[in-house]
């Protein structure tokens, strides 16, 4: 009987830890418009293990749900940088940034000013 209780406890513990594979995170990503939003979210979703990605242009917050067994936040940030958008820890290469549409050049003050009322 004691062995049966131990086996059941181990089984329940295994199931409980297996269910905690999804993580939630919020990271800051630079961008200015709805074109940026589409690009950022698509880059995240294409990253293996990302379940959900929502970026808000006004707050610059990217809310994520991802499988921590399949990816890391650094991999997601790198995917975002690869399409031209900076995070606090990983910056887009000059080539990736320069490939953005003119309206999406978030490093330029004139572009930021143009999007303030949106």
Protein backbone atom coordinates (compact mmCIF):
# COMPACT_ATOMS: atom_id res chain seq x y z
CA UNK A 1 0.00 0.00 0.00
CA UNK A 2 2.82 2.38 0.89
CA UNK A 3 4.51 1.70 -2.48
CA UNK A 4 1.24 2.41 -4.31
CA UNK A 5 0.92 5.79 -2.58
CA UNK A 6 4.51 6.67 -3.53
CA UNK A 7 3.92 5.68 -7.16
CA UNK A 8 0.72 7.75 -7.32
CA UNK A 9 2.46 10.75 -5.76
CA UNK A 10 5.32 10.52 -8.29
CA UNK A 11 2.84 10.20 -11.16
CA UNK A 12 0.88 13.28 -10.05
CA UNK A 13 4.12 15.24 -9.61
CA UNK A 14 5.24 14.29 -13.12
CA UNK A 15 1.92 15.37 -14.63
CA UNK A 16 1.97 18.66 -12.75
CA UNK A 17 5.48 19.54 -13.92
CA UNK A 18 4.67 18.55 -17.51
CA UNK A 19 1.80 21.01 -17.60
CA UNK A 20 4.01 23.99 -16.70
CA UNK A 21 5.81 24.15 -20.04
CA UNK A 22 4.10 27.36 -21.21
CA UNK A 23 5.61 30.60 -20.00
CA UNK A 24 4.28 34.15 -20.21
CA UNK A 25 6.52 37.14 -20.71
CA UNK A 26 6.36 40.80 -21.64
CA UNK A 27 9.24 42.49 -23.42
CA UNK A 28 9.73 45.97 -24.87
CA UNK A 29 10.14 46.12 -28.64
CA UNK A 30 10.71 49.34 -30.59
CA UNK A 31 8.35 50.16 -33.42
CA UNK A 32 5.80 52.81 -34.38
CA UNK A 33 2.91 51.55 -36.49
CA UNK A 34 0.59 48.74 -37.52
CA UNK A 35 3.08 47.56 -40.15
CA UNK A 36 5.60 47.17 -37.34
CA UNK A 37 2.98 45.29 -35.30
CA UNK A 38 2.39 42.78 -38.11
CA UNK A 39 6.12 42.28 -38.68
CA UNK A 40 6.95 41.83 -34.98
CA UNK A 41 4.08 39.43 -34.29
CA UNK A 42 4.81 37.34 -37.41
CA UNK A 43 8.48 37.06 -36.48
CA UNK A 44 7.48 35.76 -33.06
CA UNK A 45 4.87 33.29 -34.30
CA UNK A 46 7.37 31.87 -36.80
CA UNK A 47 9.72 31.14 -33.90
CA UNK A 48 9.30 27.50 -32.91
CA UNK A 49 7.56 27.25 -29.54
CA UNK A 50 5.79 30.62 -29.57
CA UNK A 51 2.07 30.13 -28.99
CA UNK A 52 0.89 33.74 -28.89
CA UNK A 53 2.36 37.17 -29.57
CA UNK A 54 0.66 40.55 -29.22
CA UNK A 55 2.53 43.84 -29.64
CA UNK A 56 0.94 47.18 -28.73
CA UNK A 57 2.26 50.19 -30.72
CA UNK A 58 1.64 52.80 -27.98
CA UNK A 59 3.25 50.91 -25.09
CA UNK A 60 5.81 48.96 -27.17
CA UNK A 61 4.98 45.92 -25.02
CA UNK A 62 5.14 42.51 -26.64
CA UNK A 63 3.11 39.99 -24.67
CA UNK A 64 4.13 36.40 -25.28
CA UNK A 65 3.04 32.89 -24.46
CA UNK A 66 5.70 30.36 -25.40
CA UNK A 67 6.82 26.82 -24.71
CA UNK A 68 9.98 27.13 -22.62
CA UNK A 69 11.05 23.64 -23.69
CA UNK A 70 11.18 24.67 -27.34
CA UNK A 71 12.50 28.25 -27.23
CA UNK A 72 13.93 30.98 -25.04
CA UNK A 73 13.25 34.68 -24.70
CA UNK A 74 16.64 35.39 -26.29
CA UNK A 75 15.69 33.35 -29.38
CA UNK A 76 12.42 35.27 -29.65
CA UNK A 77 14.22 38.60 -29.23
CA UNK A 78 16.68 37.58 -31.94
CA UNK A 79 13.81 36.75 -34.31
CA UNK A 80 12.41 40.22 -33.69
CA UNK A 81 15.82 41.82 -34.26
CA UNK A 82 16.26 39.83 -37.47
CA UNK A 83 13.23 41.61 -38.96
CA UNK A 84 14.56 45.05 -37.92
CA UNK A 85 13.22 45.79 -34.43
CA UNK A 86 15.24 46.48 -31.29
CA UNK A 87 14.63 45.09 -27.83
CA UNK A 88 16.43 46.32 -24.73
CA UNK A 89 19.05 43.57 -24.95
CA UNK A 90 19.24 42.67 -28.65
CA UNK A 91 19.50 45.34 -31.35
CA UNK A 92 18.62 44.90 -35.01
CA UNK A 93 21.55 44.89 -37.40
CA UNK A 94 21.94 47.98 -39.61
CA UNK A 95 20.94 45.87 -42.62
CA UNK A 96 17.75 44.63 -40.94
CA UNK A 97 16.82 48.12 -39.71
CA UNK A 98 17.52 49.72 -43.10
CA UNK A 99 15.26 47.16 -44.80
CA UNK A 100 12.24 48.56 -42.91
CA UNK A 101 9.69 50.68 -44.74
CA UNK A 102 10.36 54.42 -44.34
CA UNK A 103 7.29 54.80 -42.11
CA UNK A 104 8.72 52.18 -39.71
CA UNK A 105 12.13 53.77 -39.01
CA UNK A 106 11.49 54.08 -35.28
CA UNK A 107 15.01 55.38 -34.52
CA UNK A 108 14.28 58.64 -36.37
CA UNK A 109 12.59 61.40 -34.37
CA UNK A 110 10.61 62.65 -37.39
CA UNK A 111 9.01 59.20 -37.79
CA UNK A 112 8.19 59.03 -34.09
CA UNK A 113 6.61 62.50 -34.29
CA UNK A 114 4.53 61.46 -37.32
CA UNK A 115 3.02 58.57 -35.35
CA UNK A 116 2.27 60.37 -32.06
CA UNK A 117 -1.43 60.86 -32.78
CA UNK A 118 -2.13 57.27 -33.89
